[in-house]
Amino acid sequence: MARKKERNVADFIVPLEMNGLQGRMLRLPAPKNKTREILFIYGHHSSLERWWGVVQDLNQYGAVTMPDLPGFGGMESMYKIGEKPDIDTLADYLAAFIKLRYKRRRVTIAGLSFGFVVVTRMLQRYPDIAKRVDLLVSVVGFAHHQDFTFSRSRMLFYRAAARTVSYRLPAIFFRNVLLHPFVLRSVYAKTHNARDKFKSIQRDHFKHVMDFEVHLWHINDVRTHMFTTAEFLKLDNCQWRVDLPVHHISVKADRYFDNHTVEQHMRVIFSDFTEYRSRMDGHAPSVVADMKTAAPLIPKKLRTVLSKS
């Protein structure tokens, strides 16, 4: 029997132009007898290629669409059109995308980490869209700056550093000096937030992973990355309710978030909260995870929910 041809991510990526900004969108058609429409919004330090394994897995349950947001994944940033990439602006952009892409159809929305922050704000600002969401999934998402496990001193340092580098001249220095490939390959794996990602990487696989990390740091707009970092480090998404239940995927060994605090804040926002514990070892799959490696991210009980049309 002939082996099934392996799918190539490039075959499912198309250009995306909205509000005068050029980006890309990945679209996987629904398998036979599946009608669910899934919109997947990735988070920081990402690209369409990084989440290829995850969206292939989700594709078992319906059609999957994954767009870039301005400043992420190689898409041009809001700065190009004279706007700051704050959470409200990104939420408005996402709402426009949904209205254009889905019209009045119902949609399942899954937001990963910072992507879920943007999804939440979008639903708060556009209750008409919330009425068309048939399933809302938080993939290691968060809702408030108190969800982070950082010490007070580390939080203050990150806020100040991110805000500083969000300005044009510091961003140019940061990109051309600190993000130089030689510097990244020399020190990145030893930094506080990257150590956990690399500790389980085998020596013969290290170069491949590091090359992709360098790629991600260079295709994502530095100013957007830092401005949004400063935004979510002071985030409070608990000011407005969303009339939807949320299905939240948590990770036991999440290096960023306290799962109990996340639950408390999400219960303030959403009409109901159901938690599913992922089998992942860390906050997210490897940046080069294939479908098999990424599969533990989606818990079995949530797969049962997704299987229902």
Protein backbone atom coordinates (compact mmCIF):
# COMPACT_ATOMS: atom_id res chain seq x y z
CA MET A 1 0.00 0.00 0.00
CA ALA A 2 1.35 3.42 -0.98
CA ARG A 3 2.20 5.73 1.91
CA LYS A 4 0.04 8.80 2.33
CA LYS A 5 1.86 11.87 1.00
CA GLU A 6 3.05 14.13 3.79
CA ARG A 7 1.51 17.60 3.67
CA ASN A 8 3.75 20.62 3.24
CA VAL A 9 2.89 23.78 5.18
CA ALA A 10 3.79 26.00 2.22
CA ASP A 11 1.01 24.45 0.15
CA PHE A 12 -1.63 25.87 2.51
CA ILE A 13 -0.32 29.42 2.98
CA VAL A 14 -1.80 32.29 0.99
CA PRO A 15 -1.15 36.06 1.00
CA LEU A 16 -3.21 38.19 3.38
CA GLU A 17 -3.77 41.92 2.93
CA MET A 18 -5.89 43.91 5.34
CA ASN A 19 -5.88 47.60 6.22
CA GLY A 20 -2.98 48.11 3.82
CA LEU A 21 -0.77 45.59 5.63
CA GLN A 22 0.79 42.57 3.94
CA GLY A 23 0.87 39.24 5.72
CA ARG A 24 -0.02 35.60 5.28
CA MET A 25 -2.76 33.18 6.23
CA LEU A 26 -2.81 29.40 6.54
CA ARG A 27 -5.98 27.56 5.54
CA LEU A 28 -6.58 23.83 5.94
CA PRO A 29 -9.88 22.63 4.43
CA ALA A 30 -12.23 20.50 6.51
CA PRO A 31 -11.93 16.71 6.30
CA LYS A 32 -14.88 14.78 4.96
CA ASN A 33 -18.06 14.99 7.08
CA LYS A 34 -16.65 17.73 9.33
CA THR A 35 -18.34 21.14 9.37
CA ARG A 36 -16.61 22.90 12.26
CA GLU A 37 -14.73 26.11 11.36
CA ILE A 38 -11.72 26.64 13.63
CA LEU A 39 -9.86 29.95 13.86
CA PHE A 40 -6.47 29.60 15.57
CA ILE A 41 -4.69 32.73 16.83
CA TYR A 42 -1.08 32.18 17.83
CA GLY A 43 0.87 34.21 20.38
CA HIS A 44 4.28 35.83 20.72
CA HIS A 45 7.49 34.62 19.07
CA SER A 46 5.55 32.78 16.39
CA SER A 47 4.87 32.18 12.74
CA LEU A 48 2.50 30.08 10.69
CA GLU A 49 5.23 27.48 10.30
CA ARG A 50 5.82 27.20 14.05
CA TRP A 51 2.25 26.00 14.70
CA TRP A 52 1.98 23.72 11.67
CA GLY A 53 2.00 20.60 13.85
CA VAL A 54 -0.77 21.95 16.11
CA VAL A 55 -3.08 23.07 13.31
CA GLN A 56 -2.66 19.74 11.50
CA ASP A 57 -3.83 18.09 14.71
CA LEU A 58 -6.80 20.47 15.01
CA ASN A 59 -7.64 19.83 11.37
CA GLN A 60 -9.05 16.43 12.38
CA TYR A 61 -12.04 18.30 13.82
CA GLY A 62 -12.76 20.79 11.04
CA ALA A 63 -11.38 23.43 8.72
CA VAL A 64 -8.58 25.48 10.31
CA THR A 65 -7.66 29.07 9.51
CA MET A 66 -4.61 30.72 11.07
CA PRO A 67 -3.82 34.33 10.09
CA ASP A 68 -0.88 36.51 10.96
CA LEU A 69 -1.59 39.53 13.14
CA PRO A 70 0.16 42.82 12.30
CA GLY A 71 3.79 42.72 13.41
CA PHE A 72 3.81 38.94 13.93
CA GLY A 73 4.91 36.07 11.71
CA GLY A 74 6.50 38.42 9.19
CA MET A 75 3.39 40.59 8.68
CA GLU A 76 3.91 44.33 8.43
CA SER A 77 3.29 46.16 11.69
CA MET A 78 0.71 48.72 12.77
CA TYR A 79 3.52 51.27 12.91
CA LYS A 80 3.54 51.28 9.09
CA ILE A 81 0.06 52.85 9.05
CA GLY A 82 0.75 55.18 11.96
CA GLU A 83 -0.95 53.16 14.70
CA LYS A 84 0.40 51.58 17.88
CA PRO A 85 -0.05 47.81 18.24
CA ASP A 86 -1.93 47.98 21.53
CA ILE A 87 -4.35 45.21 22.49
CA ASP A 88 -7.42 47.21 21.47
CA THR A 89 -6.00 47.87 18.00
CA LEU A 90 -5.07 44.21 17.49
CA ALA A 91 -8.53 43.19 18.75
CA ASP A 92 -10.17 45.50 16.22
CA TYR A 93 -8.01 44.03 13.47
CA LEU A 94 -9.00 40.50 14.48
CA ALA A 95 -12.69 41.45 14.53
CA ALA A 96 -12.39 42.86 11.01
CA PHE A 97 -10.72 39.64 9.86
CA ILE A 98 -13.50 37.49 11.35
CA LYS A 99 -16.26 39.58 9.82
CA LEU A 100 -14.56 39.45 6.42
CA ARG A 101 -13.66 35.77 6.56
CA TYR A 102 -16.68 34.22 8.24
CA LYS A 103 -19.49 36.69 7.50
CA ARG A 104 -22.37 35.40 9.66
CA ARG A 105 -21.14 31.81 10.02
CA ARG A 106 -20.45 30.24 13.39
CA VAL A 107 -16.82 29.69 14.36
CA THR A 108 -14.69 27.94 16.96
CA ILE A 109 -11.92 30.23 18.21
CA ALA A 110 -8.72 28.97 19.84
CA GLY A 111 -6.21 31.51 21.11
CA LEU A 112 -2.75 30.56 22.33
CA SER A 113 -1.12 32.49 25.19
CA PHE A 114 -1.01 36.16 24.09
CA GLY A 115 -3.26 35.23 21.17
CA PHE A 116 -5.99 34.46 23.70
CA VAL A 117 -5.51 37.90 25.26
CA VAL A 118 -6.31 39.48 21.89
CA VAL A 119 -9.23 37.10 21.36
CA THR A 120 -10.68 37.99 24.77
CA ARG A 121 -10.44 41.73 24.17
CA MET A 122 -12.00 41.28 20.72
CA LEU A 123 -14.98 39.41 22.21
CA GLN A 124 -15.36 42.09 24.88
CA ARG A 125 -15.42 44.85 22.28
CA TYR A 126 -17.59 42.95 19.76
CA PRO A 127 -20.39 41.04 21.53
CA ASP A 128 -22.04 40.46 18.14
CA ILE A 129 -19.10 38.23 17.22
CA ALA A 130 -19.26 36.47 20.59
CA LYS A 131 -22.81 35.37 19.71
CA ARG A 132 -21.45 33.45 16.70
CA VAL A 133 -18.72 31.56 18.60
CA ASP A 134 -19.75 27.93 19.09
CA LEU A 135 -16.66 27.00 21.14
CA LEU A 136 -14.01 29.18 22.79
CA VAL A 137 -10.66 27.57 23.62
CA SER A 138 -7.84 29.09 25.64
CA VAL A 139 -4.56 27.33 24.92
CA VAL A 140 -2.37 28.27 27.91
CA GLY A 141 -4.00 31.68 27.76
CA PHE A 142 -4.09 34.32 30.48
CA ALA A 143 -6.22 37.30 31.51
CA HIS A 144 -4.33 39.48 34.00
CA HIS A 145 -0.76 40.53 34.78
CA GLN A 146 -1.07 38.82 38.16
CA ASP A 147 -1.27 35.48 36.35
CA PHE A 148 2.50 35.60 35.78
CA THR A 149 4.78 33.82 38.23
CA PHE A 150 7.58 36.38 37.88
CA SER A 151 8.94 38.02 41.02
CA ARG A 152 8.11 41.69 41.50
CA SER A 153 11.66 42.77 40.63
CA ARG A 154 11.72 40.65 37.46
CA MET A 155 8.30 41.96 36.43
CA LEU A 156 9.39 45.58 36.86
CA PHE A 157 12.59 44.92 34.92
CA TYR A 158 10.72 43.26 32.04
CA ARG A 159 8.19 46.10 31.88
CA ALA A 160 10.89 48.79 31.77
CA ALA A 161 13.04 46.92 29.25
CA ALA A 162 10.10 46.13 26.95
CA ARG A 163 8.82 49.70 27.02
CA THR A 164 12.30 51.06 26.24
CA VAL A 165 12.90 48.74 23.28
CA SER A 166 9.43 49.52 21.88
CA TYR A 167 10.80 52.91 20.74
CA ARG A 168 12.31 53.13 17.28
CA LEU A 169 16.01 53.78 17.99
CA PRO A 170 16.40 51.25 20.83
CA ALA A 171 14.53 48.72 18.66
CA ILE A 172 17.03 49.23 15.83
CA PHE A 173 19.93 48.63 18.23
CA PHE A 174 18.23 45.59 19.77
CA ARG A 175 17.52 44.00 16.39
CA ASN A 176 20.94 44.64 14.82
CA VAL A 177 23.12 43.97 17.85
CA LEU A 178 21.41 41.83 20.50
CA LEU A 179 19.44 39.83 17.92
CA HIS A 180 22.42 39.30 15.66
CA PRO A 181 22.49 35.57 14.79
CA PHE A 182 25.94 35.13 16.34
CA VAL A 183 24.78 36.68 19.63
CA LEU A 184 21.57 34.63 19.71
CA ARG A 185 23.39 31.37 19.01
CA SER A 186 25.93 32.19 21.73
CA VAL A 187 23.69 33.24 24.61
CA TYR A 188 19.98 32.73 23.91
CA ALA A 189 19.74 29.15 25.18
CA LYS A 190 21.26 30.28 28.50
CA THR A 191 18.78 33.09 29.20
CA HIS A 192 16.23 32.81 32.01
CA ASN A 193 13.14 32.17 29.85
CA ALA A 194 14.85 30.01 27.22
CA ARG A 195 16.69 27.54 29.46
CA ASP A 196 13.63 25.34 29.96
CA LYS A 197 12.95 25.23 26.24
CA PHE A 198 16.43 23.95 25.46
CA LYS A 199 17.13 21.65 28.41
CA SER A 200 15.47 18.65 26.73
CA ILE A 201 16.86 19.34 23.24
CA GLN A 202 19.34 16.69 22.17
CA ARG A 203 22.75 17.86 20.96
CA ASP A 204 22.25 16.68 17.37
CA HIS A 205 18.92 18.56 17.22
CA PHE A 206 20.14 21.75 18.89
CA LYS A 207 21.29 23.56 15.72
CA HIS A 208 17.99 22.96 13.93
CA VAL A 209 15.99 24.35 16.85
CA MET A 210 18.33 27.32 17.31
CA ASP A 211 18.19 28.19 13.61
CA PHE A 212 14.40 28.35 13.83
CA GLU A 213 14.57 30.46 17.01
CA VAL A 214 16.83 32.94 15.19
CA HIS A 215 14.35 32.97 12.30
CA LEU A 216 11.45 33.75 14.66
CA TRP A 217 13.28 36.60 16.36
CA HIS A 218 14.00 38.17 12.97
CA ILE A 219 10.62 37.84 11.25
CA ASN A 220 8.63 39.26 14.18
CA ASP A 221 8.68 43.05 14.38
CA VAL A 222 10.82 44.05 17.38
CA ARG A 223 8.80 47.15 18.28
CA THR A 224 5.51 45.23 18.14
CA HIS A 225 6.97 42.39 20.20
CA MET A 226 8.21 44.77 22.90
CA PHE A 227 5.19 47.09 22.92
CA THR A 228 2.78 44.18 23.33
CA THR A 229 5.04 42.66 26.00
CA ALA A 230 4.83 45.89 27.99
CA GLU A 231 1.05 45.84 27.45
CA PHE A 232 0.43 42.32 28.73
CA LEU A 233 2.76 42.78 31.72
CA LYS A 234 0.24 45.33 33.00
CA LEU A 235 -2.83 43.57 31.56
CA ASP A 236 -6.25 43.58 33.20
CA ASN A 237 -8.82 41.92 30.94
CA CYS A 238 -11.24 41.50 33.87
CA GLN A 239 -13.09 44.80 33.37
CA TRP A 240 -15.67 43.45 30.90
CA ARG A 241 -17.72 40.26 30.81
CA VAL A 242 -18.00 37.86 27.86
CA ASP A 243 -21.18 35.81 27.66
CA LEU A 244 -19.42 32.60 26.68
CA PRO A 245 -17.98 29.60 28.52
CA VAL A 246 -14.24 29.09 28.07
CA HIS A 247 -12.47 25.76 27.67
CA HIS A 248 -8.98 26.32 29.04
CA ILE A 249 -5.91 24.14 28.40
CA SER A 250 -3.37 24.41 31.20
CA VAL A 251 0.10 22.94 31.64
CA LYS A 252 1.21 21.64 35.02
CA ALA A 253 4.79 22.84 34.67
CA ASP A 254 3.98 26.19 33.01
CA ARG A 255 7.03 28.42 33.50
CA TYR A 256 5.00 31.60 33.04
CA PHE A 257 1.59 31.30 34.69
CA ASP A 258 0.00 30.27 37.97
CA ASN A 259 -2.91 28.08 36.88
CA HIS A 260 -5.05 28.81 39.96
CA THR A 261 -4.77 32.58 39.44
CA VAL A 262 -5.54 32.20 35.73
CA GLU A 263 -8.72 30.32 36.61
CA GLN A 264 -9.82 32.98 39.11
CA HIS A 265 -9.45 35.76 36.54
CA MET A 266 -11.10 33.83 33.72
CA ARG A 267 -14.11 33.07 35.93
CA VAL A 268 -14.53 36.83 36.36
CA ILE A 269 -14.67 37.31 32.58
CA PHE A 270 -16.49 34.27 31.18
CA SER A 271 -19.87 32.70 31.97
CA ASP A 272 -18.24 29.35 32.78
CA PHE A 273 -14.77 27.84 33.00
CA THR A 274 -13.63 24.28 32.25
CA GLU A 275 -9.98 23.33 32.65
CA TYR A 276 -8.19 20.58 30.75
CA ARG A 277 -4.68 19.59 31.80
CA SER A 278 -2.29 19.14 28.89
CA ARG A 279 0.38 16.45 28.82
CA MET A 280 2.98 18.91 27.55
CA ASP A 281 6.17 19.26 29.60
CA GLY A 282 6.27 23.05 29.24
CA HIS A 283 4.31 26.13 28.23
CA ALA A 284 4.14 25.14 24.55
CA PRO A 285 5.46 22.56 22.06
CA SER A 286 8.91 22.96 20.58
CA VAL A 287 9.22 25.56 17.84
CA VAL A 288 9.82 22.72 15.39
CA ALA A 289 7.18 20.30 16.73
CA ASP A 290 5.50 18.10 14.15
CA MET A 291 1.93 16.81 14.50
CA LYS A 292 2.95 13.82 16.63
CA THR A 293 5.10 15.90 18.97
CA ALA A 294 2.44 18.63 19.28
CA ALA A 295 -0.44 16.21 19.93
CA PRO A 296 -0.05 16.15 23.77
CA LEU A 297 -1.03 19.83 23.83
CA ILE A 298 -4.72 18.94 23.23
CA PRO A 299 -6.16 16.89 26.13
CA LYS A 300 -8.35 13.87 25.43
CA LYS A 301 -11.48 15.32 27.04
CA LEU A 302 -11.25 18.47 24.92
CA ARG A 303 -10.85 16.31 21.82
CA THR A 304 -14.20 14.76 22.67
CA VAL A 305 -15.75 18.24 22.77
CA LEU A 306 -14.13 19.19 19.46
CA SER A 307 -15.42 15.99 17.84
CA LYS A 308 -19.00 17.13 18.33
CA SER A 309 -20.21 19.05 15.29
